[in-house]
C-alpha cells in the first residue's frame, strides 16, 4: 500500500456507521490514502442512515454529503454503469461497487462484506478487497504518527460527545475494529 497514493473505494457499509466514516475520512484528510465513492454508494449510504435513524432529515444528509464531497472533490467516480451489468458477484446488488472501483482505477475496495467480493471474482481487475479493520491497521502500521494525528483530530471533532481518549478507543472496539483498537491503545496518551 503506497501511503497517500492508495485509492480506496469506500463501500456504503464503511460510510455508515458514523464513527467508522469519520475515522476513515480523517485518515484521508491526513493524506494516508485517497477515498473514492460513487453516486450509487452515496445513495445506498443515505438509505442506510434513514433506515436506522428515521428522524434524520434529507437536509441533514445533504449537509453531511456536501461536507464529504467538498472535502474530497475528486472522490466521486462516475461512468461505471455500463460495465456493472456484466460483472459476476454473489450479490448482484454489489456489482455497481466493483464497477466503480474498476472505472476509477482503485487499488482496493474497503468493505465489511468480504464474502460479497470473492478474490477469484476481483483478482482479474488487479485490486484487493479489504475489511476496514485490516485497512486501518495497515494505515497505522505504515505511518503511526500521522495515523495517531488523524485520530486525535477525529476525537477533537467529536464535539457533541467529547469522548475521552479511553472512550474514543472503545468506539473502535464497539465498531468491530478490534485490531485497530489494539494498535491505537498503545498510543492512548497521544489521542
N, C-alpha and C. Protein backbone atom coordinates (compact mmCIF):
# COMPACT_ATOMS: atom_id res chain seq x y z
N UNK A 1 0.85 -1.18 0.00
CA UNK A 1 0.00 0.00 0.00
C UNK A 1 0.89 1.24 0.00
N UNK A 2 0.75 2.07 -1.00
CA UNK A 2 1.52 3.31 -1.09
C UNK A 2 0.82 4.39 -0.29
N UNK A 3 1.44 4.77 0.80
CA UNK A 3 0.82 5.73 1.70
C UNK A 3 0.49 7.03 0.94
N UNK A 4 -0.72 7.48 1.08
CA UNK A 4 -1.16 8.71 0.45
C UNK A 4 -1.58 8.58 -0.99
N UNK A 5 -1.14 7.53 -1.68
CA UNK A 5 -1.47 7.36 -3.09
C UNK A 5 -2.47 6.23 -3.30
N UNK A 6 -2.72 5.45 -2.29
CA UNK A 6 -3.64 4.32 -2.39
C UNK A 6 -5.06 4.85 -2.55
N UNK A 7 -5.70 4.48 -3.65
CA UNK A 7 -7.07 4.92 -3.92
C UNK A 7 -8.02 3.81 -3.49
N UNK A 8 -8.83 4.10 -2.49
CA UNK A 8 -9.72 3.11 -1.88
C UNK A 8 -11.18 3.48 -2.09
N UNK A 9 -11.92 2.59 -2.73
CA UNK A 9 -13.36 2.79 -2.87
C UNK A 9 -14.02 2.37 -1.56
N UNK A 10 -14.75 3.29 -0.94
CA UNK A 10 -15.41 3.02 0.33
C UNK A 10 -16.84 2.56 0.06
N UNK A 11 -17.14 1.33 0.46
CA UNK A 11 -18.49 0.79 0.30
C UNK A 11 -19.43 1.51 1.28
N UNK A 12 -20.71 1.42 1.02
CA UNK A 12 -21.71 2.10 1.87
C UNK A 12 -21.63 1.64 3.31
N UNK A 13 -21.27 0.37 3.54
CA UNK A 13 -21.19 -0.12 4.91
C UNK A 13 -19.96 0.39 5.65
N UNK A 14 -19.09 1.10 4.97
CA UNK A 14 -17.96 1.78 5.61
C UNK A 14 -18.33 3.24 5.89
N UNK A 15 -19.20 3.79 5.06
CA UNK A 15 -19.66 5.17 5.28
C UNK A 15 -20.71 5.25 6.38
N UNK A 16 -21.34 4.14 6.66
CA UNK A 16 -22.31 4.06 7.76
C UNK A 16 -21.98 2.80 8.53
N UNK A 17 -21.59 2.91 9.77
CA UNK A 17 -21.91 3.89 10.81
C UNK A 17 -21.01 5.13 10.80
N UNK A 18 -21.52 6.13 11.50
CA UNK A 18 -20.89 7.45 11.53
C UNK A 18 -19.46 7.41 12.07
N UNK A 19 -19.21 6.63 13.11
CA UNK A 19 -17.87 6.62 13.69
C UNK A 19 -16.85 6.11 12.68
N UNK A 20 -17.17 5.03 11.99
CA UNK A 20 -16.25 4.47 11.00
C UNK A 20 -16.04 5.45 9.85
N UNK A 21 -17.12 6.05 9.38
CA UNK A 21 -16.99 7.06 8.31
C UNK A 21 -16.06 8.18 8.77
N UNK A 22 -16.27 8.67 9.98
CA UNK A 22 -15.42 9.74 10.49
C UNK A 22 -13.97 9.33 10.56
N UNK A 23 -13.70 8.16 11.09
CA UNK A 23 -12.32 7.69 11.19
C UNK A 23 -11.69 7.59 9.81
N UNK A 24 -12.40 6.98 8.87
CA UNK A 24 -11.86 6.81 7.52
C UNK A 24 -11.59 8.16 6.85
N UNK A 25 -12.49 9.10 7.03
CA UNK A 25 -12.31 10.40 6.38
C UNK A 25 -11.21 11.23 7.05
N UNK A 26 -11.01 11.07 8.36
CA UNK A 26 -9.89 11.76 8.99
C UNK A 26 -8.56 11.17 8.55
N UNK A 27 -8.49 9.85 8.33
CA UNK A 27 -7.26 9.26 7.78
C UNK A 27 -7.00 9.82 6.38
N UNK A 28 -8.07 9.96 5.60
CA UNK A 28 -7.92 10.52 4.26
C UNK A 28 -7.50 11.99 4.33
N UNK A 29 -8.07 12.72 5.26
CA UNK A 29 -7.71 14.14 5.44
C UNK A 29 -6.22 14.27 5.76
N UNK A 30 -5.69 13.31 6.46
CA UNK A 30 -4.27 13.30 6.81
C UNK A 30 -3.42 12.80 5.64
N UNK A 31 -4.06 12.53 4.51
CA UNK A 31 -3.42 12.08 3.27
C UNK A 31 -2.73 10.73 3.43
N UNK A 32 -3.38 9.85 4.19
CA UNK A 32 -2.86 8.50 4.36
C UNK A 32 -3.38 7.56 3.29
N UNK A 33 -4.42 7.96 2.59
CA UNK A 33 -4.95 7.27 1.43
C UNK A 33 -5.89 8.25 0.74
N UNK A 34 -6.38 7.89 -0.45
CA UNK A 34 -7.34 8.71 -1.17
C UNK A 34 -8.67 7.98 -1.22
N UNK A 35 -9.75 8.59 -0.73
CA UNK A 35 -11.06 7.93 -0.74
C UNK A 35 -11.77 8.10 -2.08
N UNK A 36 -12.64 7.13 -2.37
CA UNK A 36 -13.47 7.21 -3.56
C UNK A 36 -14.83 6.61 -3.24
N UNK A 37 -15.84 7.09 -3.95
CA UNK A 37 -17.20 6.55 -3.85
C UNK A 37 -17.93 6.89 -5.13
N UNK A 38 -19.12 6.40 -5.26
CA UNK A 38 -19.93 6.65 -6.46
C UNK A 38 -21.27 7.23 -6.02
N UNK A 39 -22.03 7.78 -6.97
CA UNK A 39 -23.38 8.24 -6.62
C UNK A 39 -24.25 7.11 -6.07
N UNK A 40 -24.10 5.90 -6.60
CA UNK A 40 -24.88 4.77 -6.09
C UNK A 40 -24.49 4.42 -4.65
N UNK A 41 -23.21 4.48 -4.35
CA UNK A 41 -22.75 4.20 -2.98
C UNK A 41 -23.29 5.27 -2.03
N UNK A 42 -23.24 6.52 -2.44
CA UNK A 42 -23.77 7.58 -1.58
C UNK A 42 -25.27 7.43 -1.39
N UNK A 43 -26.00 7.04 -2.42
CA UNK A 43 -27.45 6.81 -2.29
C UNK A 43 -27.72 5.65 -1.34
N UNK A 44 -26.92 4.59 -1.44
CA UNK A 44 -27.07 3.44 -0.54
C UNK A 44 -26.76 3.84 0.90
N UNK A 45 -25.72 4.64 1.09
CA UNK A 45 -25.37 5.15 2.42
C UNK A 45 -26.53 5.95 3.00
N UNK A 46 -27.11 6.84 2.20
CA UNK A 46 -28.23 7.66 2.67
C UNK A 46 -29.41 6.79 3.08
N UNK A 47 -29.75 5.79 2.26
CA UNK A 47 -30.87 4.88 2.61
C UNK A 47 -30.60 4.14 3.90
N UNK A 48 -29.36 3.72 4.09
CA UNK A 48 -28.99 3.00 5.31
C UNK A 48 -29.14 3.89 6.55
N UNK A 49 -28.68 5.12 6.44
CA UNK A 49 -28.80 6.06 7.57
C UNK A 49 -30.27 6.33 7.86
N UNK A 50 -31.07 6.53 6.83
CA UNK A 50 -32.50 6.81 7.03
C UNK A 50 -33.25 5.61 7.62
N UNK A 51 -32.85 4.40 7.23
CA UNK A 51 -33.47 3.20 7.83
C UNK A 51 -33.17 3.12 9.32
N UNK A 52 -31.94 3.40 9.67
CA UNK A 52 -31.52 3.26 11.06
C UNK A 52 -31.92 4.45 11.92
N UNK A 53 -32.00 5.62 11.30
CA UNK A 53 -32.32 6.85 12.02
C UNK A 53 -33.47 7.55 11.30
N UNK A 54 -34.66 7.10 11.54
CA UNK A 54 -35.84 7.60 10.85
C UNK A 54 -36.08 9.09 11.02
N UNK A 55 -35.50 9.67 12.06
CA UNK A 55 -35.74 11.10 12.31
C UNK A 55 -34.75 12.01 11.57
N UNK A 56 -33.78 11.44 10.88
CA UNK A 56 -32.81 12.28 10.17
C UNK A 56 -33.45 12.84 8.90
N UNK A 57 -33.24 14.10 8.67
CA UNK A 57 -33.88 14.77 7.53
C UNK A 57 -33.00 14.69 6.29
N UNK A 58 -33.63 14.85 5.13
CA UNK A 58 -32.88 14.91 3.89
C UNK A 58 -31.91 16.09 3.93
N UNK A 59 -32.32 17.18 4.54
CA UNK A 59 -31.46 18.36 4.63
C UNK A 59 -30.18 18.05 5.40
N UNK A 60 -30.30 17.31 6.49
CA UNK A 60 -29.12 16.93 7.28
C UNK A 60 -28.20 16.01 6.48
N UNK A 61 -28.79 15.05 5.76
CA UNK A 61 -27.99 14.17 4.92
C UNK A 61 -27.33 14.96 3.79
N UNK A 62 -28.06 15.91 3.22
CA UNK A 62 -27.48 16.77 2.18
C UNK A 62 -26.27 17.52 2.73
N UNK A 63 -26.41 18.02 3.95
CA UNK A 63 -25.32 18.75 4.60
C UNK A 63 -24.10 17.85 4.81
N UNK A 64 -24.33 16.64 5.31
CA UNK A 64 -23.24 15.70 5.54
C UNK A 64 -22.56 15.33 4.22
N UNK A 65 -23.36 15.06 3.20
CA UNK A 65 -22.81 14.69 1.90
C UNK A 65 -22.04 15.85 1.29
N UNK A 66 -22.54 17.06 1.45
CA UNK A 66 -21.85 18.23 0.91
C UNK A 66 -20.48 18.40 1.54
N UNK A 67 -20.37 18.16 2.83
CA UNK A 67 -19.08 18.26 3.52
C UNK A 67 -18.11 17.24 2.95
N UNK A 68 -18.60 16.01 2.76
CA UNK A 68 -17.74 14.95 2.21
C UNK A 68 -17.28 15.30 0.80
N UNK A 69 -18.21 15.73 -0.03
CA UNK A 69 -17.85 15.98 -1.43
C UNK A 69 -17.02 17.25 -1.60
N UNK A 70 -17.20 18.23 -0.72
CA UNK A 70 -16.35 19.42 -0.78
C UNK A 70 -14.94 19.11 -0.29
N UNK A 71 -14.85 18.33 0.77
CA UNK A 71 -13.55 17.99 1.33
C UNK A 71 -12.75 17.10 0.39
N UNK A 72 -13.44 16.22 -0.32
CA UNK A 72 -12.78 15.27 -1.22
C UNK A 72 -13.41 15.40 -2.61
N UNK A 73 -13.12 16.51 -3.24
CA UNK A 73 -13.78 16.87 -4.51
C UNK A 73 -13.52 15.88 -5.63
N UNK A 74 -12.41 15.15 -5.56
CA UNK A 74 -12.10 14.20 -6.63
C UNK A 74 -12.47 12.76 -6.27
N UNK A 75 -13.27 12.58 -5.22
CA UNK A 75 -13.60 11.23 -4.76
C UNK A 75 -14.69 10.54 -5.57
N UNK A 76 -15.56 11.30 -6.22
CA UNK A 76 -16.70 10.68 -6.90
C UNK A 76 -16.31 10.07 -8.24
N UNK A 77 -16.70 8.81 -8.40
CA UNK A 77 -16.46 8.07 -9.64
C UNK A 77 -17.79 7.94 -10.37
N UNK A 78 -17.78 8.25 -11.64
CA UNK A 78 -18.98 8.12 -12.47
C UNK A 78 -18.61 7.33 -13.74
N UNK A 79 -19.63 7.01 -14.53
CA UNK A 79 -19.41 6.34 -15.81
C UNK A 79 -19.15 4.85 -15.72
N UNK A 80 -19.55 4.24 -14.65
CA UNK A 80 -19.31 2.81 -14.42
C UNK A 80 -20.53 1.94 -14.72
N UNK A 81 -21.67 2.56 -14.93
CA UNK A 81 -22.93 1.84 -15.02
C UNK A 81 -22.94 0.79 -16.13
N UNK A 82 -22.31 1.07 -17.25
CA UNK A 82 -22.35 0.16 -18.39
C UNK A 82 -21.68 -1.18 -18.10
N UNK A 83 -20.63 -1.17 -17.29
CA UNK A 83 -19.97 -2.46 -17.02
C UNK A 83 -20.55 -3.20 -15.83
N UNK A 84 -21.34 -2.52 -15.01
CA UNK A 84 -21.89 -3.18 -13.82
C UNK A 84 -22.73 -4.40 -14.19
N UNK A 85 -23.48 -4.31 -15.27
CA UNK A 85 -24.38 -5.40 -15.66
C UNK A 85 -23.66 -6.67 -16.08
N UNK A 86 -22.40 -6.58 -16.49
CA UNK A 86 -21.69 -7.77 -16.96
C UNK A 86 -20.81 -8.40 -15.88
N UNK A 87 -20.71 -7.78 -14.74
CA UNK A 87 -19.89 -8.34 -13.66
C UNK A 87 -20.63 -9.46 -12.95
N UNK A 88 -19.88 -10.41 -12.46
CA UNK A 88 -20.45 -11.57 -11.79
C UNK A 88 -20.00 -11.59 -10.33
N UNK A 89 -20.92 -11.31 -9.44
CA UNK A 89 -20.66 -11.35 -8.00
C UNK A 89 -21.78 -12.13 -7.32
N UNK A 90 -21.51 -12.68 -6.15
CA UNK A 90 -22.55 -13.44 -5.43
C UNK A 90 -23.81 -12.62 -5.16
N UNK A 91 -23.64 -11.35 -4.83
CA UNK A 91 -24.78 -10.47 -4.61
C UNK A 91 -24.80 -9.47 -5.76
N UNK A 92 -25.72 -9.65 -6.68
CA UNK A 92 -25.79 -8.80 -7.87
C UNK A 92 -25.95 -7.32 -7.53
N UNK A 93 -26.49 -7.04 -6.34
CA UNK A 93 -26.68 -5.65 -5.92
C UNK A 93 -25.35 -4.95 -5.64
N UNK A 94 -24.26 -5.71 -5.56
CA UNK A 94 -22.94 -5.12 -5.30
C UNK A 94 -22.13 -4.91 -6.57
N UNK A 95 -22.68 -5.24 -7.72
CA UNK A 95 -21.92 -5.09 -8.96
C UNK A 95 -21.52 -3.64 -9.20
N UNK A 96 -22.38 -2.69 -8.82
CA UNK A 96 -22.04 -1.28 -9.03
C UNK A 96 -20.80 -0.86 -8.25
N UNK A 97 -20.56 -1.50 -7.10
CA UNK A 97 -19.39 -1.17 -6.28
C UNK A 97 -18.11 -1.57 -7.01
N UNK A 98 -18.07 -2.82 -7.48
CA UNK A 98 -16.90 -3.29 -8.21
C UNK A 98 -16.73 -2.51 -9.51
N UNK A 99 -17.83 -2.22 -10.19
CA UNK A 99 -17.75 -1.47 -11.45
C UNK A 99 -17.14 -0.09 -11.22
N UNK A 100 -17.55 0.59 -10.17
CA UNK A 100 -17.00 1.91 -9.86
C UNK A 100 -15.50 1.80 -9.53
N UNK A 101 -15.13 0.78 -8.80
CA UNK A 101 -13.71 0.59 -8.46
C UNK A 101 -12.88 0.34 -9.71
N UNK A 102 -13.42 -0.42 -10.65
CA UNK A 102 -12.70 -0.70 -11.90
C UNK A 102 -12.54 0.58 -12.71
N UNK A 103 -13.63 1.29 -12.94
CA UNK A 103 -13.59 2.52 -13.74
C UNK A 103 -12.71 3.57 -13.07
N UNK A 104 -12.77 3.66 -11.76
CA UNK A 104 -11.97 4.63 -11.03
C UNK A 104 -10.51 4.24 -10.86
N UNK A 105 -10.17 3.03 -11.31
CA UNK A 105 -8.80 2.51 -11.17
C UNK A 105 -8.33 2.50 -9.73
N UNK A 106 -9.24 2.04 -8.87
CA UNK A 106 -8.94 1.97 -7.44
C UNK A 106 -7.98 0.82 -7.16
N UNK A 107 -7.21 0.99 -6.13
CA UNK A 107 -6.32 -0.07 -5.69
C UNK A 107 -7.07 -1.13 -4.89
N UNK A 108 -8.17 -0.71 -4.25
CA UNK A 108 -8.93 -1.65 -3.43
C UNK A 108 -10.32 -1.15 -3.12
N UNK A 109 -11.13 -2.10 -2.67
CA UNK A 109 -12.48 -1.83 -2.17
C UNK A 109 -12.44 -2.08 -0.68
N UNK A 110 -12.87 -1.12 0.11
CA UNK A 110 -12.92 -1.28 1.56
C UNK A 110 -14.38 -1.56 1.91
N UNK A 111 -14.62 -2.75 2.45
CA UNK A 111 -15.98 -3.19 2.74
C UNK A 111 -15.98 -4.17 3.90
N UNK A 112 -17.07 -4.18 4.65
CA UNK A 112 -17.27 -5.17 5.70
C UNK A 112 -17.87 -6.45 5.13
N UNK A 113 -18.31 -6.41 3.88
CA UNK A 113 -18.94 -7.57 3.23
C UNK A 113 -17.95 -8.30 2.33
N UNK A 114 -16.91 -8.86 2.90
CA UNK A 114 -15.87 -9.52 2.11
C UNK A 114 -16.43 -10.67 1.27
N UNK A 115 -17.40 -11.39 1.81
CA UNK A 115 -17.94 -12.55 1.09
C UNK A 115 -18.68 -12.14 -0.19
N UNK A 116 -19.08 -10.88 -0.29
CA UNK A 116 -19.76 -10.41 -1.49
C UNK A 116 -18.79 -10.12 -2.63
N UNK A 117 -17.48 -10.12 -2.31
CA UNK A 117 -16.45 -9.81 -3.30
C UNK A 117 -15.35 -10.88 -3.26
N UNK A 118 -15.66 -12.11 -3.70
CA UNK A 118 -14.67 -13.20 -3.62
C UNK A 118 -13.41 -12.87 -4.43
N UNK A 119 -12.27 -13.29 -3.92
CA UNK A 119 -10.98 -13.00 -4.54
C UNK A 119 -10.94 -13.43 -6.00
N UNK A 120 -11.50 -14.58 -6.32
CA UNK A 120 -11.44 -15.07 -7.70
C UNK A 120 -12.25 -14.20 -8.67
N UNK A 121 -13.23 -13.46 -8.15
CA UNK A 121 -14.04 -12.57 -8.99
C UNK A 121 -13.39 -11.19 -9.15
N UNK A 122 -12.59 -10.80 -8.16
CA UNK A 122 -11.99 -9.47 -8.14
C UNK A 122 -10.56 -9.48 -8.68
N UNK A 123 -9.84 -10.58 -8.52
CA UNK A 123 -8.42 -10.66 -8.92
C UNK A 123 -8.15 -10.25 -10.37
N UNK A 124 -9.00 -10.60 -11.33
CA UNK A 124 -8.71 -10.19 -12.71
C UNK A 124 -8.63 -8.67 -12.89
N UNK A 125 -9.15 -7.92 -11.95
CA UNK A 125 -9.15 -6.46 -12.06
C UNK A 125 -8.00 -5.81 -11.29
N UNK A 126 -7.10 -6.63 -10.79
CA UNK A 126 -5.88 -6.15 -10.13
C UNK A 126 -6.16 -5.21 -8.97
N UNK A 127 -7.09 -5.62 -8.12
CA UNK A 127 -7.37 -4.84 -6.92
C UNK A 127 -7.64 -5.79 -5.77
N UNK A 128 -7.61 -5.26 -4.59
CA UNK A 128 -7.87 -6.08 -3.41
C UNK A 128 -9.16 -5.63 -2.75
N UNK A 129 -9.71 -6.52 -1.95
CA UNK A 129 -10.89 -6.21 -1.14
C UNK A 129 -10.44 -6.36 0.31
N UNK A 130 -10.64 -5.29 1.08
CA UNK A 130 -10.07 -5.23 2.42
C UNK A 130 -11.15 -4.85 3.43
N UNK A 131 -11.16 -5.56 4.55
CA UNK A 131 -12.04 -5.20 5.66
C UNK A 131 -11.53 -3.89 6.27
N UNK A 132 -12.44 -3.01 6.72
CA UNK A 132 -11.98 -1.73 7.28
C UNK A 132 -11.01 -1.87 8.46
N UNK A 133 -11.17 -2.89 9.27
CA UNK A 133 -10.25 -3.07 10.40
C UNK A 133 -8.84 -3.35 9.88
N UNK A 134 -8.72 -4.23 8.90
CA UNK A 134 -7.41 -4.53 8.32
C UNK A 134 -6.82 -3.30 7.63
N UNK A 135 -7.67 -2.54 6.95
CA UNK A 135 -7.21 -1.34 6.25
C UNK A 135 -6.66 -0.32 7.24
N UNK A 136 -7.38 -0.08 8.31
CA UNK A 136 -6.94 0.90 9.32
C UNK A 136 -5.65 0.43 9.98
N UNK A 137 -5.54 -0.86 10.28
CA UNK A 137 -4.31 -1.38 10.88
C UNK A 137 -3.13 -1.17 9.92
N UNK A 138 -3.34 -1.40 8.63
CA UNK A 138 -2.27 -1.14 7.66
C UNK A 138 -1.85 0.32 7.69
N UNK A 139 -2.82 1.21 7.74
CA UNK A 139 -2.51 2.65 7.81
C UNK A 139 -1.68 2.96 9.06
N UNK A 140 -2.11 2.43 10.19
CA UNK A 140 -1.40 2.69 11.45
C UNK A 140 0.01 2.13 11.38
N UNK A 141 0.16 0.90 10.87
CA UNK A 141 1.48 0.27 10.80
C UNK A 141 2.42 1.00 9.85
N UNK A 142 1.88 1.54 8.75
CA UNK A 142 2.73 2.22 7.76
C UNK A 142 3.16 3.61 8.20
N UNK A 143 2.29 4.29 8.93
CA UNK A 143 2.65 5.65 9.36
C UNK A 143 1.97 5.96 10.70
N UNK A 144 2.50 5.40 11.78
CA UNK A 144 1.85 5.55 13.09
C UNK A 144 1.65 7.00 13.54
N UNK A 145 2.63 7.86 13.34
CA UNK A 145 2.48 9.22 13.86
C UNK A 145 1.38 9.98 13.12
N UNK A 146 1.28 9.83 11.82
CA UNK A 146 0.23 10.51 11.07
C UNK A 146 -1.13 9.89 11.36
N UNK A 147 -1.17 8.57 11.55
CA UNK A 147 -2.44 7.91 11.87
C UNK A 147 -2.95 8.38 13.23
N UNK A 148 -2.06 8.47 14.20
CA UNK A 148 -2.45 8.94 15.53
C UNK A 148 -2.88 10.40 15.46
N UNK A 149 -2.20 11.21 14.65
CA UNK A 149 -2.60 12.62 14.49
C UNK A 149 -4.01 12.71 13.90
N UNK A 150 -4.33 11.84 12.94
CA UNK A 150 -5.68 11.82 12.36
C UNK A 150 -6.71 11.45 13.41
N UNK A 151 -6.38 10.47 14.24
CA UNK A 151 -7.30 10.05 15.30
C UNK A 151 -7.50 11.16 16.33
N UNK A 152 -6.44 11.86 16.65
CA UNK A 152 -6.54 12.97 17.61
C UNK A 152 -7.48 14.05 17.06
N UNK A 153 -7.34 14.35 15.79
CA UNK A 153 -8.21 15.35 15.16
C UNK A 153 -9.66 14.85 15.09
N UNK A 154 -9.81 13.56 14.80
CA UNK A 154 -11.16 12.97 14.76
C UNK A 154 -11.82 13.10 16.13
N UNK A 155 -11.10 12.71 17.16
CA UNK A 155 -11.65 12.78 18.53
C UNK A 155 -12.00 14.22 18.89
N UNK A 156 -11.14 15.17 18.53
CA UNK A 156 -11.39 16.59 18.84
C UNK A 156 -12.62 17.11 18.10
N UNK A 157 -12.88 16.56 16.92
CA UNK A 157 -14.04 17.00 16.14
C UNK A 157 -15.36 16.45 16.68
N UNK A 158 -15.28 15.47 17.56
CA UNK A 158 -16.48 14.87 18.13
C UNK A 158 -16.99 15.73 19.29
N UNK A 159 -17.40 16.95 18.96
CA UNK A 159 -17.76 17.93 19.98
C UNK A 159 -19.05 17.61 20.70
N UNK A 160 -19.95 16.89 20.05
CA UNK A 160 -21.22 16.57 20.70
C UNK A 160 -21.01 15.61 21.88
N UNK A 161 -20.19 14.58 21.67
CA UNK A 161 -19.98 13.61 22.75
C UNK A 161 -18.70 13.86 23.53
N UNK A 162 -17.76 14.59 22.96
CA UNK A 162 -16.47 14.90 23.60
C UNK A 162 -15.88 13.71 24.35
N UNK A 163 -15.58 12.61 23.64
CA UNK A 163 -15.09 11.42 24.33
C UNK A 163 -13.66 11.60 24.86
N UNK A 164 -13.39 10.98 25.99
CA UNK A 164 -12.02 10.92 26.48
C UNK A 164 -11.26 10.00 25.54
N UNK A 165 -9.94 9.94 25.68
CA UNK A 165 -9.17 9.05 24.80
C UNK A 165 -9.59 7.60 25.00
N UNK A 166 -9.90 7.21 26.24
CA UNK A 166 -10.36 5.84 26.51
C UNK A 166 -11.72 5.57 25.85
N UNK A 167 -12.63 6.53 25.96
CA UNK A 167 -13.95 6.38 25.34
C UNK A 167 -13.83 6.34 23.81
N UNK A 168 -12.93 7.15 23.28
CA UNK A 168 -12.70 7.15 21.83
C UNK A 168 -12.20 5.77 21.38
N UNK A 169 -11.26 5.22 22.10
CA UNK A 169 -10.74 3.89 21.76
C UNK A 169 -11.83 2.83 21.86
N UNK A 170 -12.69 2.94 22.85
CA UNK A 170 -13.78 1.97 22.99
C UNK A 170 -14.73 2.00 21.80
N UNK A 171 -14.84 3.13 21.14
CA UNK A 171 -15.70 3.22 19.94
C UNK A 171 -15.14 2.38 18.81
N UNK A 172 -13.82 2.26 18.74
CA UNK A 172 -13.23 1.36 17.75
C UNK A 172 -13.67 -0.07 18.03
N UNK A 173 -13.58 -0.44 19.30
CA UNK A 173 -13.97 -1.80 19.67
C UNK A 173 -15.46 -2.02 19.40
N UNK A 174 -16.29 -1.07 19.77
CA UNK A 174 -17.74 -1.18 19.56
C UNK A 174 -18.09 -1.28 18.08
N UNK A 175 -17.26 -0.67 17.22
CA UNK A 175 -17.49 -0.71 15.78
C UNK A 175 -16.94 -1.98 15.14
N UNK A 176 -16.39 -2.88 15.97
CA UNK A 176 -15.84 -4.12 15.45
C UNK A 176 -14.44 -3.98 14.88
N UNK A 177 -13.79 -2.87 15.19
CA UNK A 177 -12.44 -2.60 14.71
C UNK A 177 -11.45 -3.00 15.80
N UNK A 178 -11.43 -4.28 16.09
CA UNK A 178 -10.69 -4.82 17.23
C UNK A 178 -9.17 -4.65 17.07
N UNK A 179 -8.66 -4.96 15.89
CA UNK A 179 -7.21 -4.80 15.67
C UNK A 179 -6.79 -3.34 15.77
N UNK A 180 -7.59 -2.46 15.17
CA UNK A 180 -7.28 -1.03 15.23
C UNK A 180 -7.31 -0.54 16.67
N UNK A 181 -8.29 -1.02 17.44
CA UNK A 181 -8.36 -0.67 18.86
C UNK A 181 -7.06 -1.05 19.55
N UNK A 182 -6.58 -2.26 19.29
CA UNK A 182 -5.34 -2.73 19.90
C UNK A 182 -4.14 -1.88 19.52
N UNK A 183 -4.02 -1.57 18.24
CA UNK A 183 -2.88 -0.77 17.77
C UNK A 183 -2.92 0.64 18.38
N UNK A 184 -4.10 1.24 18.38
CA UNK A 184 -4.21 2.62 18.87
C UNK A 184 -4.09 2.70 20.39
N UNK A 185 -4.43 1.63 21.08
CA UNK A 185 -4.32 1.63 22.55
C UNK A 185 -2.89 1.90 22.99
N UNK A 186 -1.94 1.49 22.18
CA UNK A 186 -0.53 1.72 22.52
C UNK A 186 -0.17 3.20 22.45
N UNK A 187 -1.04 4.00 21.83
CA UNK A 187 -0.78 5.44 21.67
C UNK A 187 -1.82 6.28 22.39
N UNK A 188 -2.49 5.69 23.38
CA UNK A 188 -3.61 6.33 24.05
C UNK A 188 -3.29 7.74 24.56
N UNK A 189 -2.09 7.90 25.09
CA UNK A 189 -1.73 9.20 25.67
C UNK A 189 -1.58 10.30 24.61
N UNK A 190 -1.48 9.92 23.34
CA UNK A 190 -1.33 10.91 22.26
C UNK A 190 -2.65 11.28 21.61
N UNK A 191 -3.71 10.57 21.98
CA UNK A 191 -5.00 10.82 21.37
C UNK A 191 -5.71 11.97 22.07
